[in-house]
PDB file of N, CA and C in Angstrom:
ATOM      1  N   MET A   1     -22.114 -27.578-124.541  1.00  0.00           N
ATOM      2  CA  MET A   1     -21.449 -26.437-124.870  1.00  0.00           C
ATOM      3  C   MET A   1     -22.180 -25.273-125.510  1.00  0.00           C
ATOM      4  N   PRO A   2     -22.254 -24.055-125.248  1.00  0.00           N
ATOM      5  CA  PRO A   2     -23.022 -23.005-125.760  1.00  0.00           C
ATOM      6  C   PRO A   2     -22.155 -22.767-127.215  1.00  0.00           C
ATOM      7  N   LYS A   3     -23.065 -22.265-128.267  1.00  0.00           N
ATOM      8  CA  LYS A   3     -22.460 -21.859-129.371  1.00  0.00           C
ATOM      9  C   LYS A   3     -21.597 -20.668-129.275  1.00  0.00           C
ATOM     10  N   ARG A   4     -20.586 -20.646-130.010  1.00  0.00           N
ATOM     11  CA  ARG A   4     -19.598 -19.292-129.928  1.00  0.00           C
ATOM     12  C   ARG A   4     -19.546 -18.837-131.385  1.00  0.00           C
ATOM     13  N   PRO A   5     -19.417 -17.537-131.605  1.00  0.00           N
ATOM     14  CA  PRO A   5     -19.362 -16.522-130.611  1.00  0.00           C
ATOM     15  C   PRO A   5     -20.800 -16.151-130.385  1.00  0.00           C
ATOM     16  N   VAL A   6     -21.084 -15.785-129.128  1.00  0.00           N
ATOM     17  CA  VAL A   6     -22.380 -15.037-128.599  1.00  0.00           C
ATOM     18  C   VAL A   6     -22.138 -13.715-128.368  1.00  0.00           C
ATOM     19  N   SER A   7     -22.832 -13.002-129.053  1.00  0.00           N
ATOM     20  CA  SER A   7     -22.709 -11.451-128.810  1.00  0.00           C
ATOM     21  C   SER A   7     -23.008 -11.006-127.433  1.00  0.00           C
ATOM     22  N   GLY A   8     -22.089 -10.341-126.873  1.00  0.00           N
ATOM     23  CA  GLY A   8     -22.110  -9.668-125.519  1.00  0.00           C
ATOM     24  C   GLY A   8     -21.766 -10.678-124.333  1.00  0.00           C
ATOM     25  N   ALA A   9     -21.217 -11.785-124.670  1.00  0.00           N
ATOM     26  CA  ALA A   9     -20.823 -12.702-123.765  1.00  0.00           C
ATOM     27  C   ALA A   9     -19.377 -13.244-123.932  1.00  0.00           C
ATOM     28  N   LYS A  10     -18.953 -13.745-122.738  1.00  0.00           N
ATOM     29  CA  LYS A  10     -17.473 -13.992-122.787  1.00  0.00           C
ATOM     30  C   LYS A  10     -17.276 -15.309-122.172  1.00  0.00           C
ATOM     31  N   MET A  11     -16.479 -16.228-122.562  1.00  0.00           N
ATOM     32  CA  MET A  11     -16.174 -17.604-121.933  1.00  0.00           C
ATOM     33  C   MET A  11     -15.252 -17.347-120.850  1.00  0.00           C
ATOM     34  N   VAL A  12     -15.437 -17.792-119.714  1.00  0.00           N
ATOM     35  CA  VAL A  12     -14.431 -17.758-118.472  1.00  0.00           C
ATOM     36  C   VAL A  12     -14.285 -19.224-117.988  1.00  0.00           C
ATOM     37  N   SER A  13     -13.109 -19.613-117.981  1.00  0.00           N
ATOM     38  CA  SER A  13     -12.925 -20.723-117.177  1.00  0.00           C
ATOM     39  C   SER A  13     -12.127 -20.650-115.890  1.00  0.00           C
ATOM     40  N   LEU A  14     -12.550 -21.132-114.742  1.00  0.00           N
ATOM     41  CA  LEU A  14     -12.060 -21.051-113.528  1.00  0.00           C
ATOM     42  C   LEU A  14     -12.009 -22.343-112.683  1.00  0.00           C
ATOM     43  N   GLU A  15     -11.086 -22.444-111.846  1.00  0.00           N
ATOM     44  CA  GLU A  15     -11.176 -23.665-110.933  1.00  0.00           C
ATOM     45  C   GLU A  15     -11.446 -23.186-109.535  1.00  0.00           C
ATOM     46  N   LEU A  16     -12.629 -23.686-109.155  1.00  0.00           N
ATOM     47  CA  LEU A  16     -13.139 -23.247-107.947  1.00  0.00           C
ATOM     48  C   LEU A  16     -13.340 -24.596-107.027  1.00  0.00           C
ATOM     49  N   PRO A  17     -13.269 -24.382-105.772  1.00  0.00           N
ATOM     50  CA  PRO A  17     -13.627 -25.569-104.813  1.00  0.00           C
ATOM     51  C   PRO A  17     -14.980 -26.262-105.094  1.00  0.00           C
ATOM     52  N   THR A  18     -14.774 -27.602-105.228  1.00  0.00           N
ATOM     53  CA  THR A  18     -16.050 -28.375-105.533  1.00  0.00           C
ATOM     54  C   THR A  18     -17.199 -27.934-104.668  1.00  0.00           C
ATOM     55  N   ASP A  19     -16.956 -28.145-103.416  1.00  0.00           N
ATOM     56  CA  ASP A  19     -18.175 -27.791-102.389  1.00  0.00           C
ATOM     57  C   ASP A  19     -18.914 -26.450-102.840  1.00  0.00           C
ATOM     58  N   LEU A  20     -18.118 -25.372-103.023  1.00  0.00           N
ATOM     59  CA  LEU A  20     -18.387 -24.036-103.345  1.00  0.00           C
ATOM     60  C   LEU A  20     -19.441 -24.139-104.549  1.00  0.00           C
ATOM     61  N   VAL A  21     -18.860 -24.880-105.736  1.00  0.00           N
ATOM     62  CA  VAL A  21     -19.825 -25.021-107.000  1.00  0.00           C
ATOM     63  C   VAL A  21     -20.947 -25.679-106.670  1.00  0.00           C
ATOM     64  N   ASN A  22     -20.890 -26.898-105.858  1.00  0.00           N
ATOM     65  CA  ASN A  22     -22.030 -27.625-105.668  1.00  0.00           C
ATOM     66  C   ASN A  22     -22.992 -26.806-104.747  1.00  0.00           C
ATOM     67  N   GLU A  23     -22.661 -25.977-103.908  1.00  0.00           N
ATOM     68  CA  GLU A  23     -23.466 -25.225-103.061  1.00  0.00           C
ATOM     69  C   GLU A  23     -24.084 -24.118-103.959  1.00  0.00           C
ATOM     70  N   MET A  24     -23.382 -23.576-104.821  1.00  0.00           N
ATOM     71  CA  MET A  24     -23.989 -22.495-105.744  1.00  0.00           C
ATOM     72  C   MET A  24     -25.036 -23.122-106.778  1.00  0.00           C
ATOM     73  N   LYS A  25     -24.716 -24.331-107.191  1.00  0.00           N
ATOM     74  CA  LYS A  25     -25.590 -25.014-108.013  1.00  0.00           C
ATOM     75  C   LYS A  25     -27.034 -25.397-107.361  1.00  0.00           C
ATOM     76  N   GLU A  26     -26.885 -25.746-106.126  1.00  0.00           N
ATOM     77  CA  GLU A  26     -28.060 -26.117-105.293  1.00  0.00           C
ATOM     78  C   GLU A  26     -28.879 -24.806-104.874  1.00  0.00           C
ATOM     79  N   PHE A  27     -28.224 -23.773-104.665  1.00  0.00           N
ATOM     80  CA  PHE A  27     -28.683 -22.409-104.507  1.00  0.00           C
ATOM     81  C   PHE A  27     -29.477 -21.820-105.625  1.00  0.00           C
ATOM     82  N   ALA A  28     -28.977 -22.156-106.801  1.00  0.00           N
ATOM     83  CA  ALA A  28     -29.612 -21.629-108.054  1.00  0.00           C
ATOM     84  C   ALA A  28     -30.822 -22.585-108.339  1.00  0.00           C
ATOM     85  N   LYS A  29     -30.570 -23.703-108.069  1.00  0.00           N
ATOM     86  CA  LYS A  29     -31.731 -24.891-108.399  1.00  0.00           C
ATOM     87  C   LYS A  29     -33.035 -24.446-107.558  1.00  0.00           C
ATOM     88  N   ASN A  30     -32.696 -24.166-106.181  1.00  0.00           N
ATOM     89  CA  ASN A  30     -33.685 -23.774-105.095  1.00  0.00           C
ATOM     90  C   ASN A  30     -34.561 -22.607-105.551  1.00  0.00           C
ATOM     91  N   ARG A  31     -33.859 -21.654-106.232  1.00  0.00           N
ATOM     92  CA  ARG A  31     -34.388 -20.371-106.632  1.00  0.00           C
ATOM     93  C   ARG A  31     -34.864 -20.349-108.081  1.00  0.00           C
ATOM     94  N   GLY A  32     -34.902 -21.449-108.652  1.00  0.00           N
ATOM     95  CA  GLY A  32     -35.386 -21.471-110.003  1.00  0.00           C
ATOM     96  C   GLY A  32     -34.566 -20.727-111.113  1.00  0.00           C
ATOM     97  N   GLN A  33     -33.218 -20.733-110.844  1.00  0.00           N
ATOM     98  CA  GLN A  33     -32.360 -20.070-111.684  1.00  0.00           C
ATOM     99  C   GLN A  33     -31.310 -21.022-112.308  1.00  0.00           C
ATOM    100  N   GLY A  34     -30.673 -20.708-113.294  1.00  0.00           N
ATOM    101  CA  GLY A  34     -29.564 -21.270-113.847  1.00  0.00           C
ATOM    102  C   GLY A  34     -28.328 -21.096-113.011  1.00  0.00           C
ATOM    103  N   PHE A  35     -27.356 -21.903-113.211  1.00  0.00           N
ATOM    104  CA  PHE A  35     -26.054 -21.641-112.389  1.00  0.00           C
ATOM    105  C   PHE A  35     -25.396 -20.322-112.882  1.00  0.00           C
ATOM    106  N   LYS A  36     -25.424 -20.230-114.424  1.00  0.00           N
ATOM    107  CA  LYS A  36     -24.747 -19.100-114.934  1.00  0.00           C
ATOM    108  C   LYS A  36     -25.500 -17.701-114.588  1.00  0.00           C
ATOM    109  N   ASP A  37     -26.769 -17.707-114.438  1.00  0.00           N
ATOM    110  CA  ASP A  37     -27.530 -16.626-113.908  1.00  0.00           C
ATOM    111  C   ASP A  37     -27.229 -16.157-112.584  1.00  0.00           C
ATOM    112  N   ALA A  38     -27.157 -17.196-111.631  1.00  0.00           N
ATOM    113  CA  ALA A  38     -26.792 -17.041-110.189  1.00  0.00           C
ATOM    114  C   ALA A  38     -25.410 -16.435-110.072  1.00  0.00           C
ATOM    115  N   VAL A  39     -24.398 -16.978-110.712  1.00  0.00           N
ATOM    116  CA  VAL A  39     -23.102 -16.450-110.465  1.00  0.00           C
ATOM    117  C   VAL A  39     -23.026 -15.068-111.138  1.00  0.00           C
ATOM    118  N   ALA A  40     -23.733 -14.825-112.281  1.00  0.00           N
ATOM    119  CA  ALA A  40     -23.557 -13.569-112.609  1.00  0.00           C
ATOM    120  C   ALA A  40     -24.123 -12.464-111.620  1.00  0.00           C
ATOM    121  N   GLU A  41     -25.331 -12.896-111.182  1.00  0.00           N
ATOM    122  CA  GLU A  41     -25.900 -12.058-110.141  1.00  0.00           C
ATOM    123  C   GLU A  41     -25.074 -11.810-108.859  1.00  0.00           C
ATOM    124  N   ALA A  42     -24.436 -12.955-108.484  1.00  0.00           N
ATOM    125  CA  ALA A  42     -23.549 -12.788-107.299  1.00  0.00           C
ATOM    126  C   ALA A  42     -22.433 -11.959-107.655  1.00  0.00           C
ATOM    127  N   MET A  43     -21.744 -11.871-108.725  1.00  0.00           N
ATOM    128  CA  MET A  43     -20.671 -10.933-109.235  1.00  0.00           C
ATOM    129  C   MET A  43     -21.209  -9.535-109.368  1.00  0.00           C
ATOM    130  N   ARG A  44     -22.357  -9.488-109.827  1.00  0.00           N
ATOM    131  CA  ARG A  44     -22.995  -7.915-109.993  1.00  0.00           C
ATOM    132  C   ARG A  44     -23.192  -7.350-108.618  1.00  0.00           C
ATOM    133  N   ARG A  45     -23.663  -8.182-107.790  1.00  0.00           N
ATOM    134  CA  ARG A  45     -23.886  -7.717-106.375  1.00  0.00           C
ATOM    135  C   ARG A  45     -22.749  -7.412-105.640  1.00  0.00           C
ATOM    136  N   HIS A  46     -21.812  -8.230-105.881  1.00  0.00           N
ATOM    137  CA  HIS A  46     -20.316  -8.031-105.189  1.00  0.00           C
ATOM    138  C   HIS A  46     -19.805  -6.796-105.806  1.00  0.00           C
ATOM    139  N   LEU A  47     -19.885  -6.417-107.102  1.00  0.00           N
ATOM    140  CA  LEU A  47     -19.331  -5.177-107.641  1.00  0.00           C
ATOM    141  C   LEU A  47     -20.131  -4.066-107.155  1.00  0.00           C
ATOM    142  N   THR A  48     -21.486  -4.043-107.002  1.00  0.00           N
ATOM    143  CA  THR A  48     -22.331  -2.997-106.619  1.00  0.00           C
ATOM    144  C   THR A  48     -21.984  -2.743-105.042  1.00  0.00           C
ATOM    145  N   TYR A  49     -21.906  -3.770-104.321  1.00  0.00           N
ATOM    146  CA  TYR A  49     -21.760  -3.609-102.784  1.00  0.00           C
ATOM    147  C   TYR A  49     -20.398  -4.153-102.437  1.00  0.00           C
ATOM    148  N   PRO A  50     -19.332  -3.588-102.800  1.00  0.00           N
ATOM    149  CA  PRO A  50     -18.037  -4.169-102.524  1.00  0.00           C
ATOM    150  C   PRO A  50     -17.735  -4.310-100.989  1.00  0.00           C
ATOM    151  N   PRO A  51     -16.968  -5.332-100.633  1.00  0.00           N
ATOM    152  CA  PRO A  51     -16.587  -5.298 -99.356  1.00  0.00           C
ATOM    153  C   PRO A  51     -15.341  -4.452 -99.038  1.00  0.00           C
ATOM    154  N   PRO A  52     -14.994  -4.085 -97.870  1.00  0.00           N
ATOM    155  CA  PRO A  52     -13.972  -3.212 -97.911  1.00  0.00           C
ATOM    156  C   PRO A  52     -12.604  -3.791 -98.170  1.00  0.00           C
ATOM    157  N   PRO A  53     -11.597  -3.065 -98.795  1.00  0.00           N
ATOM    158  CA  PRO A  53     -10.552  -3.570 -99.364  1.00  0.00           C
ATOM    159  C   PRO A  53      -9.654  -4.500 -98.215  1.00  0.00           C
ATOM    160  N   PRO A  54      -8.832  -5.364 -98.680  1.00  0.00           N
ATOM    161  CA  PRO A  54      -8.197  -5.964 -97.533  1.00  0.00           C
ATOM    162  C   PRO A  54      -7.095  -5.114 -96.921  1.00  0.00           C
ATOM    163  N   VAL A  55      -6.814  -5.248 -95.605  1.00  0.00           N
ATOM    164  CA  VAL A  55      -5.770  -4.436 -94.860  1.00  0.00           C
ATOM    165  C   VAL A  55      -4.430  -4.939 -95.387  1.00  0.00           C
ATOM    166  N   PRO A  56      -3.644  -4.107 -95.847  1.00  0.00           N
ATOM    167  CA  PRO A  56      -2.307  -4.553 -96.209  1.00  0.00           C
ATOM    168  C   PRO A  56      -1.485  -4.941 -95.211  1.00  0.00           C
ATOM    169  N   VAL A  57      -0.765  -5.865 -95.332  1.00  0.00           N
ATOM    170  CA  VAL A  57       0.285  -6.443 -94.320  1.00  0.00           C
ATOM    171  C   VAL A  57       1.484  -5.578 -94.210  1.00  0.00           C
ATOM    172  N   PRO A  58       1.694  -5.101 -93.170  1.00  0.00           N
ATOM    173  CA  PRO A  58       2.985  -4.176 -93.298  1.00  0.00           C
ATOM    174  C   PRO A  58       4.229  -5.025 -93.480  1.00  0.00           C
ATOM    175  N   PRO A  59       5.416  -4.536 -93.983  1.00  0.00           N
ATOM    176  CA  PRO A  59       6.574  -5.172 -94.069  1.00  0.00           C
ATOM    177  C   PRO A  59       7.171  -5.652 -92.747  1.00  0.00           C
ATOM    178  N   PRO A  60       7.755  -6.648 -92.624  1.00  0.00           N
ATOM    179  CA  PRO A  60       8.472  -7.144 -91.440  1.00  0.00           C
ATOM    180  C   PRO A  60       9.457  -5.940 -90.934  1.00  0.00           C
ATOM    181  N   THR A  61       9.581  -5.942 -89.727  1.00  0.00           N
ATOM    182  CA  THR A  61      10.687  -4.943 -89.180  1.00  0.00           C
ATOM    183  C   THR A  61      11.989  -5.635 -89.264  1.00  0.00           C
ATOM    184  N   PRO A  62      12.911  -5.028 -89.703  1.00  0.00           N
ATOM    185  CA  PRO A  62      14.329  -5.712 -89.768  1.00  0.00           C
ATOM    186  C   PRO A  62      15.005  -5.766 -88.337  1.00  0.00           C
ATOM    187  N   PHE A  63      15.854  -6.587 -88.202  1.00  0.00           N
ATOM    188  CA  PHE A  63      16.388  -6.715 -86.861  1.00  0.00           C
ATOM    189  C   PHE A  63      17.433  -5.709 -86.740  1.00  0.00           C
ATOM    190  N   PRO A  64      17.655  -5.201 -85.588  1.00  0.00           N
ATOM    191  CA  PRO A  64      18.574  -4.056 -85.346  1.00  0.00           C
ATOM    192  C   PRO A  64      19.936  -4.520 -85.380  1.00  0.00           C
ATOM    193  N   ASP A  65      20.672  -3.499 -85.773  1.00  0.00           N
ATOM    194  CA  ASP A  65      22.260  -3.768 -86.033  1.00  0.00           C
ATOM    195  C   ASP A  65      22.850  -4.198 -84.527  1.00  0.00           C
ATOM    196  N   VAL A  66      23.555  -4.947 -84.697  1.00  0.00           N
ATOM    197  CA  VAL A  66      24.419  -5.386 -83.403  1.00  0.00           C
ATOM    198  C   VAL A  66      25.441  -4.505 -83.303  1.00  0.00           C
ATOM    199  N   VAL A  67      25.435  -3.730 -82.015  1.00  0.00           N
ATOM    200  CA  VAL A  67      26.616  -2.788 -81.817  1.00  0.00           C
ATOM    201  C   VAL A  67      27.271  -3.112 -80.646  1.00  0.00           C
ATOM    202  N   GLY A  68      28.796  -3.154 -80.557  1.00  0.00           N
ATOM    203  CA  GLY A  68      29.578  -3.413 -79.471  1.00  0.00           C
ATOM    204  C   GLY A  68      29.880  -4.806 -79.400  1.00  0.00           C
ATOM    205  N   VAL A  69      29.794  -5.611 -80.280  1.00  0.00           N
ATOM    206  CA  VAL A  69      29.947  -6.994 -80.224  1.00  0.00           C
ATOM    207  C   VAL A  69      31.059  -7.256 -81.296  1.00  0.00           C
ATOM    208  N   ASP A  70      32.399  -7.769 -80.754  1.00  0.00           N
ATOM    209  CA  ASP A  70      33.441  -8.181 -81.523  1.00  0.00           C
ATOM    210  C   ASP A  70      33.208  -9.430 -82.203  1.00  0.00           C
ATOM    211  N   VAL A  71      33.023  -9.311 -83.413  1.00  0.00           N
ATOM    212  CA  VAL A  71      32.651 -10.625 -84.111  1.00  0.00           C
ATOM    213  C   VAL A  71      33.999 -11.107 -85.074  1.00  0.00           C
ATOM    214  N   LYS A  72      34.429 -12.234 -84.789  1.00  0.00           N
ATOM    215  CA  LYS A  72      35.661 -12.597 -85.542  1.00  0.00           C
ATOM    216  C   LYS A  72      35.198 -13.525 -86.692  1.00  0.00           C
ATOM    217  N   PRO A  73      35.757 -13.416 -87.758  1.00  0.00           N
ATOM    218  CA  PRO A  73      35.478 -14.438 -88.831  1.00  0.00           C
ATOM    219  C   PRO A  73      35.526 -15.861 -88.377  1.00  0.00           C
ATOM    220  N   THR A  74      34.736 -16.806 -88.739  1.00  0.00           N
ATOM    221  CA  THR A  74      34.816 -18.113 -88.271  1.00  0.00           C
ATOM    222  C   THR A  74      35.436 -18.899 -89.413  1.00  0.00           C
ATOM    223  N   THR A  75      36.766 -18.771 -89.632  1.00  0.00           N
ATOM    224  CA  THR A  75      37.606 -19.635 -90.600  1.00  0.00           C
ATOM    225  C   THR A  75      38.317 -20.531 -89.777  1.00  0.00           C
ATOM    226  N   GLU A  76      38.481 -21.718 -90.221  1.00  0.00           N
ATOM    227  CA  GLU A  76      39.425 -22.590 -89.535  1.00  0.00           C
ATOM    228  C   GLU A  76      40.748 -22.356 -89.962  1.00  0.00           C
ATOM    229  N   PRO A  77      41.671 -22.596 -88.897  1.00  0.00           N
ATOM    230  CA  PRO A  77      42.987 -22.297 -89.148  1.00  0.00           C
ATOM    231  C   PRO A  77      43.630 -23.221 -90.365  1.00  0.00           C
ATOM    232  N   GLU A  78      44.629 -22.813 -91.009  1.00  0.00           N
ATOM    233  CA  GLU A  78      45.243 -23.539 -91.954  1.00  0.00           C
ATOM    234  C   GLU A  78      45.822 -24.779 -91.325  1.00  0.00           C
ATOM    235  N   PRO A  79      45.753 -26.021 -91.938  1.00  0.00           N
ATOM    236  CA  PRO A  79      46.515 -27.049 -91.272  1.00  0.00           C
ATOM    237  C   PRO A  79      48.228 -26.826 -91.335  1.00  0.00           C
ATOM    238  N   LYS A  80      48.871 -27.194 -90.426  1.00  0.00           N
ATOM    239  CA  LYS A  80      50.381 -27.032 -90.353  1.00  0.00           C
ATOM    240  C   LYS A  80      51.046 -27.932 -91.154  1.00  0.00           C
ATOM    241  N   LYS A  81      52.074 -27.392 -92.065  1.00  0.00           N
ATOM    242  CA  LYS A  81      52.624 -28.283 -93.097  1.00  0.00           C
ATOM    243  C   LYS A  81      53.906 -28.865 -92.373  1.00  0.00           C
ATOM    244  N   PRO A  82      54.269 -30.187 -92.801  1.00  0.00           N
ATOM    245  CA  PRO A  82      55.562 -30.670 -92.055  1.00  0.00           C
ATOM    246  C   PRO A  82      56.705 -29.811 -92.397  1.00  0.00           C
ATOM    247  N   ALA A  83      57.496 -29.741 -91.527  1.00  0.00           N
ATOM    248  CA  ALA A  83      58.846 -28.932 -91.745  1.00  0.00           C
ATOM    249  C   ALA A  83      59.787 -29.564 -92.737  1.00  0.00           C
ATOM    250  N   THR A  84      60.304 -28.763 -93.619  1.00  0.00           N
ATOM    251  CA  THR A  84      61.250 -29.275 -94.558  1.00  0.00           C
ATOM    252  C   THR A  84      62.545 -29.538 -93.797  1.00  0.00           C
ATOM    253  N   LYS A  85      63.029 -30.648 -94.441  1.00  0.00           N
ATOM    254  CA  LYS A  85      64.379 -31.135 -93.731  1.00  0.00           C
ATOM    255  C   LYS A  85      65.518 -30.311 -94.410  1.00  0.00           C
ATOM    256  N   LYS A  86      66.403 -30.028 -93.482  1.00  0.00           N
ATOM    257  CA  LYS A  86      67.538 -29.130 -94.044  1.00  0.00           C
ATOM    258  C   LYS A  86      68.843 -30.272 -94.175  1.00  0.00           C
ATOM    259  N   GLY A  87      69.692 -29.887 -95.021  1.00  0.00           N
ATOM    260  CA  GLY A  87      70.781 -30.559 -95.339  1.00  0.00           C
ATOM    261  C   GLY A  87      70.529 -31.489 -96.564  1.00  0.00           C
ATOM    262  N   GLY A  88      71.684 -32.069 -97.106  1.00  0.00           N
ATOM    263  CA  GLY A  88      71.545 -32.728 -98.256  1.00  0.00           C
ATOM    264  C   GLY A  88      71.693 -34.302 -98.021  1.00  0.00           C
ATOM    265  N   LYS A  89      71.819 -35.080 -99.151  1.00  0.00           N
ATOM    266  CA  LYS A  89      71.749 -36.476 -98.952  1.00  0.00           C
ATOM    267  C   LYS A  89      73.261 -36.816 -98.390  1.00  0.00           C
ATOM    268  N   LYS A  90      73.395 -37.830 -97.795  1.00  0.00           N
ATOM    269  CA  LYS A  90      74.742 -38.157 -97.311  1.00  0.00           C
ATOM    270  C   LYS A  90      75.054 -39.565 -98.060  1.00  0.00           C
TER     271      LYS A  90
END
């Protein structure tokens, strides 16, 4: 671990795909650079020559209103109650 605080440096913690990190480490090793220097150089190059911004995704088009269709509520009819008996006890 590097000593902290280092003037002009900032600690950054990221989760990156393992294969990408391994590829970058191999890339840096083949160039005689440290991993940190290779990543910093790649970030600087990306900021100096940025790719075009991503194309925004348009919002989905809403469904058109249904016109001329008679829609009735789908409620179940209430169950019939048994009829009350008329008359008194005999």
